[in-house]
């Protein structure tokens, strides 16, 4: 079994949501909060991880990232809420 890949959603300081993918969730969150993550999150720190899914391949994680990024906010919020219930 190879490295895990993740699609994640973070909530920014301004309340906006950002979706991305990574193969190291902890390192990615540190990068976002250090201003070295995505350009979008740089000026909206701190960010808080609110949801993630894991995948075997990078391609699966990237495909899911694309799907989530194209969803309306209401649908993203439902995904986040459902994820909290399963934790």
PDB file of N, CA and C in Angstrom:
ATOM      1  N   UNK A   1       0.850  -1.195   0.000  1.00  0.00           N
ATOM      2  CA  UNK A   1       0.000   0.000   0.000  1.00  0.00           C
ATOM      3  C   UNK A   1       0.886   1.246   0.000  1.00  0.00           C
ATOM      4  N   UNK A   2       0.587   2.169  -0.892  1.00  0.00           N
ATOM      5  CA  UNK A   2       1.404   3.366  -1.016  1.00  0.00           C
ATOM      6  C   UNK A   2       0.976   4.467  -0.070  1.00  0.00           C
ATOM      7  N   UNK A   3       1.524   5.619  -0.309  1.00  0.00           N
ATOM      8  CA  UNK A   3       1.227   6.804   0.480  1.00  0.00           C
ATOM      9  C   UNK A   3      -0.230   7.210   0.287  1.00  0.00           C
ATOM     10  N   UNK A   4      -0.829   7.720   1.320  1.00  0.00           N
ATOM     11  CA  UNK A   4      -2.206   8.221   1.219  1.00  0.00           C
ATOM     12  C   UNK A   4      -2.205   9.597   0.569  1.00  0.00           C
ATOM     13  N   UNK A   5      -3.289   9.885  -0.098  1.00  0.00           N
ATOM     14  CA  UNK A   5      -3.508  11.193  -0.705  1.00  0.00           C
ATOM     15  C   UNK A   5      -4.826  11.717  -0.159  1.00  0.00           C
ATOM     16  N   UNK A   6      -4.883  13.011   0.054  1.00  0.00           N
ATOM     17  CA  UNK A   6      -6.042  13.606   0.711  1.00  0.00           C
ATOM     18  C   UNK A   6      -6.620  14.763  -0.088  1.00  0.00           C
ATOM     19  N   UNK A   7      -7.931  14.842  -0.071  1.00  0.00           N
ATOM     20  CA  UNK A   7      -8.650  16.031  -0.517  1.00  0.00           C
ATOM     21  C   UNK A   7      -9.165  16.649   0.771  1.00  0.00           C
ATOM     22  N   UNK A   8      -8.987  17.958   0.919  1.00  0.00           N
ATOM     23  CA  UNK A   8      -9.346  18.588   2.190  1.00  0.00           C
ATOM     24  C   UNK A   8     -10.039  19.924   1.969  1.00  0.00           C
ATOM     25  N   UNK A   9     -10.756  20.332   3.001  1.00  0.00           N
ATOM     26  CA  UNK A   9     -11.394  21.655   3.012  1.00  0.00           C
ATOM     27  C   UNK A   9     -10.940  22.350   4.289  1.00  0.00           C
ATOM     28  N   UNK A  10     -10.497  23.585   4.142  1.00  0.00           N
ATOM     29  CA  UNK A  10     -10.163  24.398   5.306  1.00  0.00           C
ATOM     30  C   UNK A  10     -11.096  25.596   5.347  1.00  0.00           C
ATOM     31  N   UNK A  11     -11.353  26.058   6.557  1.00  0.00           N
ATOM     32  CA  UNK A  11     -12.123  27.284   6.747  1.00  0.00           C
ATOM     33  C   UNK A  11     -11.123  28.379   7.057  1.00  0.00           C
ATOM     34  N   UNK A  12     -11.208  29.461   6.321  1.00  0.00           N
ATOM     35  CA  UNK A  12     -10.292  30.594   6.492  1.00  0.00           C
ATOM     36  C   UNK A  12     -10.823  31.555   7.546  1.00  0.00           C
ATOM     37  N   UNK A  13      -9.952  32.435   7.997  1.00  0.00           N
ATOM     38  CA  UNK A  13     -10.305  33.429   9.019  1.00  0.00           C
ATOM     39  C   UNK A  13     -11.532  34.247   8.614  1.00  0.00           C
ATOM     40  N   UNK A  14     -11.660  34.535   7.326  1.00  0.00           N
ATOM     41  CA  UNK A  14     -12.788  35.341   6.859  1.00  0.00           C
ATOM     42  C   UNK A  14     -14.062  34.528   6.641  1.00  0.00           C
ATOM     43  N   UNK A  15     -14.009  33.227   6.991  1.00  0.00           N
ATOM     44  CA  UNK A  15     -15.197  32.380   6.859  1.00  0.00           C
ATOM     45  C   UNK A  15     -15.305  31.672   5.524  1.00  0.00           C
ATOM     46  N   UNK A  16     -14.434  32.007   4.585  1.00  0.00           N
ATOM     47  CA  UNK A  16     -14.478  31.349   3.285  1.00  0.00           C
ATOM     48  C   UNK A  16     -13.887  29.943   3.389  1.00  0.00           C
ATOM     49  N   UNK A  17     -14.211  29.118   2.396  1.00  0.00           N
ATOM     50  CA  UNK A  17     -13.724  27.739   2.366  1.00  0.00           C
ATOM     51  C   UNK A  17     -12.734  27.577   1.220  1.00  0.00           C
ATOM     52  N   UNK A  18     -11.683  26.810   1.473  1.00  0.00           N
ATOM     53  CA  UNK A  18     -10.681  26.512   0.442  1.00  0.00           C
ATOM     54  C   UNK A  18     -10.533  25.002   0.368  1.00  0.00           C
ATOM     55  N   UNK A  19     -10.523  24.467  -0.847  1.00  0.00           N
ATOM     56  CA  UNK A  19     -10.360  23.036  -1.073  1.00  0.00           C
ATOM     57  C   UNK A  19      -9.046  22.779  -1.774  1.00  0.00           C
ATOM     58  N   UNK A  20      -8.337  21.753  -1.334  1.00  0.00           N
ATOM     59  CA  UNK A  20      -7.074  21.385  -1.960  1.00  0.00           C
ATOM     60  C   UNK A  20      -6.823  19.896  -1.837  1.00  0.00           C
ATOM     61  N   UNK A  21      -5.661  19.459  -2.286  1.00  0.00           N
ATOM     62  CA  UNK A  21      -5.269  18.064  -2.121  1.00  0.00           C
ATOM     63  C   UNK A  21      -3.799  18.030  -1.705  1.00  0.00           C
ATOM     64  N   UNK A  22      -3.413  16.954  -1.040  1.00  0.00           N
ATOM     65  CA  UNK A  22      -2.035  16.804  -0.574  1.00  0.00           C
ATOM     66  C   UNK A  22      -1.755  15.333  -0.273  1.00  0.00           C
ATOM     67  N   UNK A  23      -0.493  14.992  -0.095  1.00  0.00           N
ATOM     68  CA  UNK A  23      -0.165  13.641   0.369  1.00  0.00           C
ATOM     69  C   UNK A  23       0.386  13.689   1.798  1.00  0.00           C
ATOM     70  N   UNK A  24       0.372  14.889   2.397  1.00  0.00           N
ATOM     71  CA  UNK A  24       0.806  15.053   3.791  1.00  0.00           C
ATOM     72  C   UNK A  24      -0.027  16.162   4.421  1.00  0.00           C
ATOM     73  N   UNK A  25      -1.119  15.763   5.042  1.00  0.00           N
ATOM     74  CA  UNK A  25      -2.093  16.712   5.581  1.00  0.00           C
ATOM     75  C   UNK A  25      -1.499  17.634   6.640  1.00  0.00           C
ATOM     76  N   UNK A  26      -0.751  17.069   7.569  1.00  0.00           N
ATOM     77  CA  UNK A  26      -0.173  17.872   8.652  1.00  0.00           C
ATOM     78  C   UNK A  26       0.788  18.931   8.102  1.00  0.00           C
ATOM     79  N   UNK A  27       1.645  18.518   7.200  1.00  0.00           N
ATOM     80  CA  UNK A  27       2.615  19.442   6.593  1.00  0.00           C
ATOM     81  C   UNK A  27       1.899  20.534   5.796  1.00  0.00           C
ATOM     82  N   UNK A  28       0.838  20.153   5.103  1.00  0.00           N
ATOM     83  CA  UNK A  28       0.089  21.116   4.286  1.00  0.00           C
ATOM     84  C   UNK A  28      -0.600  22.162   5.165  1.00  0.00           C
ATOM     85  N   UNK A  29      -1.172  21.733   6.287  1.00  0.00           N
ATOM     86  CA  UNK A  29      -1.833  22.686   7.192  1.00  0.00           C
ATOM     87  C   UNK A  29      -0.806  23.665   7.765  1.00  0.00           C
ATOM     88  N   UNK A  30       0.352  23.164   8.131  1.00  0.00           N
ATOM     89  CA  UNK A  30       1.412  24.044   8.633  1.00  0.00           C
ATOM     90  C   UNK A  30       1.827  25.044   7.559  1.00  0.00           C
ATOM     91  N   UNK A  31       1.921  24.572   6.312  1.00  0.00           N
ATOM     92  CA  UNK A  31       2.297  25.458   5.206  1.00  0.00           C
ATOM     93  C   UNK A  31       1.239  26.551   5.002  1.00  0.00           C
ATOM     94  N   UNK A  32      -0.036  26.157   5.001  1.00  0.00           N
ATOM     95  CA  UNK A  32      -1.111  27.156   4.846  1.00  0.00           C
ATOM     96  C   UNK A  32      -1.013  28.214   5.942  1.00  0.00           C
ATOM     97  N   UNK A  33      -0.829  27.788   7.170  1.00  0.00           N
ATOM     98  CA  UNK A  33      -0.815  28.735   8.288  1.00  0.00           C
ATOM     99  C   UNK A  33       0.483  29.511   8.411  1.00  0.00           C
ATOM    100  N   UNK A  34       1.502  29.089   7.684  1.00  0.00           N
ATOM    101  CA  UNK A  34       2.768  29.835   7.655  1.00  0.00           C
ATOM    102  C   UNK A  34       2.790  30.795   6.461  1.00  0.00           C
ATOM    103  N   UNK A  35       1.696  30.815   5.692  1.00  0.00           N
ATOM    104  CA  UNK A  35       1.632  31.684   4.513  1.00  0.00           C
ATOM    105  C   UNK A  35       2.340  31.111   3.310  1.00  0.00           C
ATOM    106  N   UNK A  36       2.667  29.806   3.360  1.00  0.00           N
ATOM    107  CA  UNK A  36       3.382  29.171   2.254  1.00  0.00           C
ATOM    108  C   UNK A  36       2.514  28.165   1.526  1.00  0.00           C
ATOM    109  N   UNK A  37       1.231  28.153   1.843  1.00  0.00           N
ATOM    110  CA  UNK A  37       0.301  27.248   1.174  1.00  0.00           C
ATOM    111  C   UNK A  37      -0.155  27.888  -0.121  1.00  0.00           C
ATOM    112  N   UNK A  38      -1.427  27.873  -0.355  1.00  0.00           N
ATOM    113  CA  UNK A  38      -1.996  28.465  -1.559  1.00  0.00           C
ATOM    114  C   UNK A  38      -2.030  29.987  -1.447  1.00  0.00           C
ATOM    115  N   UNK A  39      -1.982  30.633  -2.588  1.00  0.00           N
ATOM    116  CA  UNK A  39      -2.069  32.086  -2.656  1.00  0.00           C
ATOM    117  C   UNK A  39      -3.376  32.577  -2.001  1.00  0.00           C
ATOM    118  N   UNK A  40      -4.459  31.816  -2.226  1.00  0.00           N
ATOM    119  CA  UNK A  40      -5.763  32.189  -1.686  1.00  0.00           C
ATOM    120  C   UNK A  40      -5.747  32.269  -0.165  1.00  0.00           C
ATOM    121  N   UNK A  41      -5.106  31.305   0.485  1.00  0.00           N
ATOM    122  CA  UNK A  41      -5.146  31.255   1.944  1.00  0.00           C
ATOM    123  C   UNK A  41      -4.123  32.167   2.612  1.00  0.00           C
ATOM    124  N   UNK A  42      -3.149  32.617   1.865  1.00  0.00           N
ATOM    125  CA  UNK A  42      -2.060  33.430   2.426  1.00  0.00           C
ATOM    126  C   UNK A  42      -2.568  34.644   3.208  1.00  0.00           C
ATOM    127  N   UNK A  43      -3.544  35.347   2.646  1.00  0.00           N
ATOM    128  CA  UNK A  43      -4.061  36.553   3.307  1.00  0.00           C
ATOM    129  C   UNK A  43      -5.294  36.266   4.170  1.00  0.00           C
ATOM    130  N   UNK A  44      -5.645  34.988   4.317  1.00  0.00           N
ATOM    131  CA  UNK A  44      -6.846  34.622   5.075  1.00  0.00           C
ATOM    132  C   UNK A  44      -6.511  33.701   6.249  1.00  0.00           C
ATOM    133  N   UNK A  45      -5.303  33.813   6.761  1.00  0.00           N
ATOM    134  CA  UNK A  45      -4.865  32.979   7.879  1.00  0.00           C
ATOM    135  C   UNK A  45      -5.400  33.509   9.206  1.00  0.00           C
ATOM    136  N   UNK A  46      -5.533  32.637  10.190  1.00  0.00           N
ATOM    137  CA  UNK A  46      -5.243  31.207  10.147  1.00  0.00           C
ATOM    138  C   UNK A  46      -6.366  30.429   9.465  1.00  0.00           C
ATOM    139  N   UNK A  47      -6.024  29.242   9.002  1.00  0.00           N
ATOM    140  CA  UNK A  47      -7.018  28.340   8.427  1.00  0.00           C
ATOM    141  C   UNK A  47      -7.174  27.146   9.359  1.00  0.00           C
ATOM    142  N   UNK A  48      -8.363  26.573   9.343  1.00  0.00           N
ATOM    143  CA  UNK A  48      -8.662  25.419  10.186  1.00  0.00           C
ATOM    144  C   UNK A  48      -9.157  24.287   9.302  1.00  0.00           C
ATOM    145  N   UNK A  49      -8.581  23.122   9.476  1.00  0.00           N
ATOM    146  CA  UNK A  49      -9.022  21.946   8.728  1.00  0.00           C
ATOM    147  C   UNK A  49     -10.411  21.556   9.221  1.00  0.00           C
ATOM    148  N   UNK A  50     -11.382  21.507   8.290  1.00  0.00           N
ATOM    149  CA  UNK A  50     -12.751  21.162   8.689  1.00  0.00           C
ATOM    150  C   UNK A  50     -13.228  19.851   8.067  1.00  0.00           C
ATOM    151  N   UNK A  51     -12.491  19.335   7.066  1.00  0.00           N
ATOM    152  CA  UNK A  51     -12.918  18.112   6.396  1.00  0.00           C
ATOM    153  C   UNK A  51     -11.785  17.545   5.560  1.00  0.00           C
ATOM    154  N   UNK A  52     -11.715  16.222   5.499  1.00  0.00           N
ATOM    155  CA  UNK A  52     -10.804  15.580   4.550  1.00  0.00           C
ATOM    156  C   UNK A  52     -11.282  14.187   4.194  1.00  0.00           C
ATOM    157  N   UNK A  53     -10.866  13.727   3.039  1.00  0.00           N
ATOM    158  CA  UNK A  53     -11.116  12.370   2.550  1.00  0.00           C
ATOM    159  C   UNK A  53      -9.762  11.814   2.131  1.00  0.00           C
ATOM    160  N   UNK A  54      -9.567  10.513   2.281  1.00  0.00           N
ATOM    161  CA  UNK A  54      -8.295   9.913   1.860  1.00  0.00           C
ATOM    162  C   UNK A  54      -8.503   8.998   0.655  1.00  0.00           C
ATOM    163  N   UNK A  55      -7.473   8.939  -0.183  1.00  0.00           N
ATOM    164  CA  UNK A  55      -7.499   8.161  -1.421  1.00  0.00           C
ATOM    165  C   UNK A  55      -6.172   7.448  -1.604  1.00  0.00           C
ATOM    166  N   UNK A  56      -6.188   6.374  -2.366  1.00  0.00           N
ATOM    167  CA  UNK A  56      -4.965   5.631  -2.651  1.00  0.00           C
ATOM    168  C   UNK A  56      -4.080   6.362  -3.656  1.00  0.00           C
ATOM    169  N   UNK A  57      -4.706   7.055  -4.619  1.00  0.00           N
ATOM    170  CA  UNK A  57      -3.908   7.692  -5.670  1.00  0.00           C
ATOM    171  C   UNK A  57      -4.079   9.202  -5.696  1.00  0.00           C
ATOM    172  N   UNK A  58      -3.064   9.846  -6.200  1.00  0.00           N
ATOM    173  CA  UNK A  58      -3.059  11.299  -6.382  1.00  0.00           C
ATOM    174  C   UNK A  58      -4.188  11.704  -7.332  1.00  0.00           C
ATOM    175  N   UNK A  59      -4.378  10.905  -8.378  1.00  0.00           N
ATOM    176  CA  UNK A  59      -5.404  11.222  -9.377  1.00  0.00           C
ATOM    177  C   UNK A  59      -6.802  11.239  -8.768  1.00  0.00           C
ATOM    178  N   UNK A  60      -7.084  10.276  -7.886  1.00  0.00           N
ATOM    179  CA  UNK A  60      -8.396  10.243  -7.221  1.00  0.00           C
ATOM    180  C   UNK A  60      -8.586  11.482  -6.349  1.00  0.00           C
ATOM    181  N   UNK A  61      -7.559  11.841  -5.606  1.00  0.00           N
ATOM    182  CA  UNK A  61      -7.642  13.018  -4.730  1.00  0.00           C
ATOM    183  C   UNK A  61      -7.832  14.288  -5.550  1.00  0.00           C
ATOM    184  N   UNK A  62      -7.114  14.382  -6.657  1.00  0.00           N
ATOM    185  CA  UNK A  62      -7.231  15.576  -7.510  1.00  0.00           C
ATOM    186  C   UNK A  62      -8.607  15.648  -8.172  1.00  0.00           C
ATOM    187  N   UNK A  63      -9.147  14.512  -8.557  1.00  0.00           N
ATOM    188  CA  UNK A  63     -10.483  14.470  -9.171  1.00  0.00           C
ATOM    189  C   UNK A  63     -11.526  14.934  -8.157  1.00  0.00           C
ATOM    190  N   UNK A  64     -11.403  14.469  -6.909  1.00  0.00           N
ATOM    191  CA  UNK A  64     -12.356  14.866  -5.861  1.00  0.00           C
ATOM    192  C   UNK A  64     -12.212  16.348  -5.529  1.00  0.00           C
ATOM    193  N   UNK A  65     -10.974  16.840  -5.506  1.00  0.00           N
ATOM    194  CA  UNK A  65     -10.744  18.270  -5.283  1.00  0.00           C
ATOM    195  C   UNK A  65     -11.489  19.085  -6.337  1.00  0.00           C
ATOM    196  N   UNK A  66     -11.363  18.678  -7.592  1.00  0.00           N
ATOM    197  CA  UNK A  66     -12.038  19.371  -8.694  1.00  0.00           C
ATOM    198  C   UNK A  66     -13.557  19.370  -8.493  1.00  0.00           C
ATOM    199  N   UNK A  67     -14.106  18.201  -8.121  1.00  0.00           N
ATOM    200  CA  UNK A  67     -15.557  18.097  -7.886  1.00  0.00           C
ATOM    201  C   UNK A  67     -16.007  19.061  -6.792  1.00  0.00           C
ATOM    202  N   UNK A  68     -15.301  19.036  -5.672  1.00  0.00           N
ATOM    203  CA  UNK A  68     -15.690  19.879  -4.532  1.00  0.00           C
ATOM    204  C   UNK A  68     -15.551  21.356  -4.873  1.00  0.00           C
ATOM    205  N   UNK A  69     -14.460  21.722  -5.558  1.00  0.00           N
ATOM    206  CA  UNK A  69     -14.263  23.135  -5.909  1.00  0.00           C
ATOM    207  C   UNK A  69     -15.394  23.685  -6.776  1.00  0.00           C
ATOM    208  N   UNK A  70     -16.059  22.824  -7.518  1.00  0.00           N
ATOM    209  CA  UNK A  70     -17.133  23.270  -8.403  1.00  0.00           C
ATOM    210  C   UNK A  70     -18.523  23.147  -7.780  1.00  0.00           C
ATOM    211  N   UNK A  71     -18.581  22.799  -6.513  1.00  0.00           N
ATOM    212  CA  UNK A  71     -19.868  22.713  -5.803  1.00  0.00           C
ATOM    213  C   UNK A  71     -20.233  24.073  -5.224  1.00  0.00           C
ATOM    214  N   UNK A  72     -21.534  24.322  -5.081  1.00  0.00           N
ATOM    215  CA  UNK A  72     -21.940  25.543  -4.375  1.00  0.00           C
ATOM    216  C   UNK A  72     -21.587  25.403  -2.888  1.00  0.00           C
ATOM    217  N   UNK A  73     -21.426  26.510  -2.226  1.00  0.00           N
ATOM    218  CA  UNK A  73     -21.029  26.506  -0.804  1.00  0.00           C
ATOM    219  C   UNK A  73     -21.960  25.658   0.058  1.00  0.00           C
ATOM    220  N   UNK A  74     -23.259  25.707  -0.222  1.00  0.00           N
ATOM    221  CA  UNK A  74     -24.228  24.957   0.579  1.00  0.00           C
ATOM    222  C   UNK A  74     -23.912  23.459   0.541  1.00  0.00           C
ATOM    223  N   UNK A  75     -23.538  22.961  -0.611  1.00  0.00           N
ATOM    224  CA  UNK A  75     -23.221  21.540  -0.739  1.00  0.00           C
ATOM    225  C   UNK A  75     -21.915  21.210   0.003  1.00  0.00           C
ATOM    226  N   UNK A  76     -20.948  22.105  -0.053  1.00  0.00           N
ATOM    227  CA  UNK A  76     -19.691  21.909   0.685  1.00  0.00           C
ATOM    228  C   UNK A  76     -19.975  21.852   2.187  1.00  0.00           C
ATOM    229  N   UNK A  77     -20.848  22.732   2.660  1.00  0.00           N
ATOM    230  CA  UNK A  77     -21.184  22.756   4.083  1.00  0.00           C
ATOM    231  C   UNK A  77     -21.860  21.461   4.522  1.00  0.00           C
ATOM    232  N   UNK A  78     -22.689  20.879   3.642  1.00  0.00           N
ATOM    233  CA  UNK A  78     -23.336  19.602   3.951  1.00  0.00           C
ATOM    234  C   UNK A  78     -22.299  18.485   4.044  1.00  0.00           C
ATOM    235  N   UNK A  79     -21.331  18.497   3.153  1.00  0.00           N
ATOM    236  CA  UNK A  79     -20.256  17.493   3.182  1.00  0.00           C
ATOM    237  C   UNK A  79     -19.479  17.618   4.494  1.00  0.00           C
ATOM    238  N   UNK A  80     -19.161  18.842   4.873  1.00  0.00           N
ATOM    239  CA  UNK A  80     -18.414  19.084   6.114  1.00  0.00           C
ATOM    240  C   UNK A  80     -19.217  18.573   7.308  1.00  0.00           C
ATOM    241  N   UNK A  81     -20.505  18.886   7.354  1.00  0.00           N
ATOM    242  CA  UNK A  81     -21.359  18.475   8.468  1.00  0.00           C
ATOM    243  C   UNK A  81     -21.467  16.950   8.536  1.00  0.00           C
ATOM    244  N   UNK A  82     -21.651  16.298   7.411  1.00  0.00           N
ATOM    245  CA  UNK A  82     -21.724  14.826   7.379  1.00  0.00           C
ATOM    246  C   UNK A  82     -20.412  14.222   7.865  1.00  0.00           C
ATOM    247  N   UNK A  83     -19.297  14.821   7.468  1.00  0.00           N
ATOM    248  CA  UNK A  83     -17.988  14.336   7.884  1.00  0.00           C
ATOM    249  C   UNK A  83     -17.804  14.415   9.393  1.00  0.00           C
ATOM    250  N   UNK A  84     -18.334  15.443   9.996  1.00  0.00           N
ATOM    251  CA  UNK A  84     -18.231  15.611  11.459  1.00  0.00           C
ATOM    252  C   UNK A  84     -19.007  14.523  12.188  1.00  0.00           C
ATOM    253  N   UNK A  85     -20.135  14.111  11.610  1.00  0.00           N
ATOM    254  CA  UNK A  85     -20.961  13.097  12.253  1.00  0.00           C
ATOM    255  C   UNK A  85     -20.264  11.734  12.248  1.00  0.00           C
ATOM    256  N   UNK A  86     -19.404  11.488  11.273  1.00  0.00           N
ATOM    257  CA  UNK A  86     -18.726  10.206  11.153  1.00  0.00           C
ATOM    258  C   UNK A  86     -17.470  10.127  12.004  1.00  0.00           C
ATOM    259  N   UNK A  87     -16.970  11.252  12.467  1.00  0.00           N
ATOM    260  CA  UNK A  87     -15.707  11.260  13.216  1.00  0.00           C
ATOM    261  C   UNK A  87     -15.897  10.685  14.608  1.00  0.00           C
TER     262      UNK A  87
END
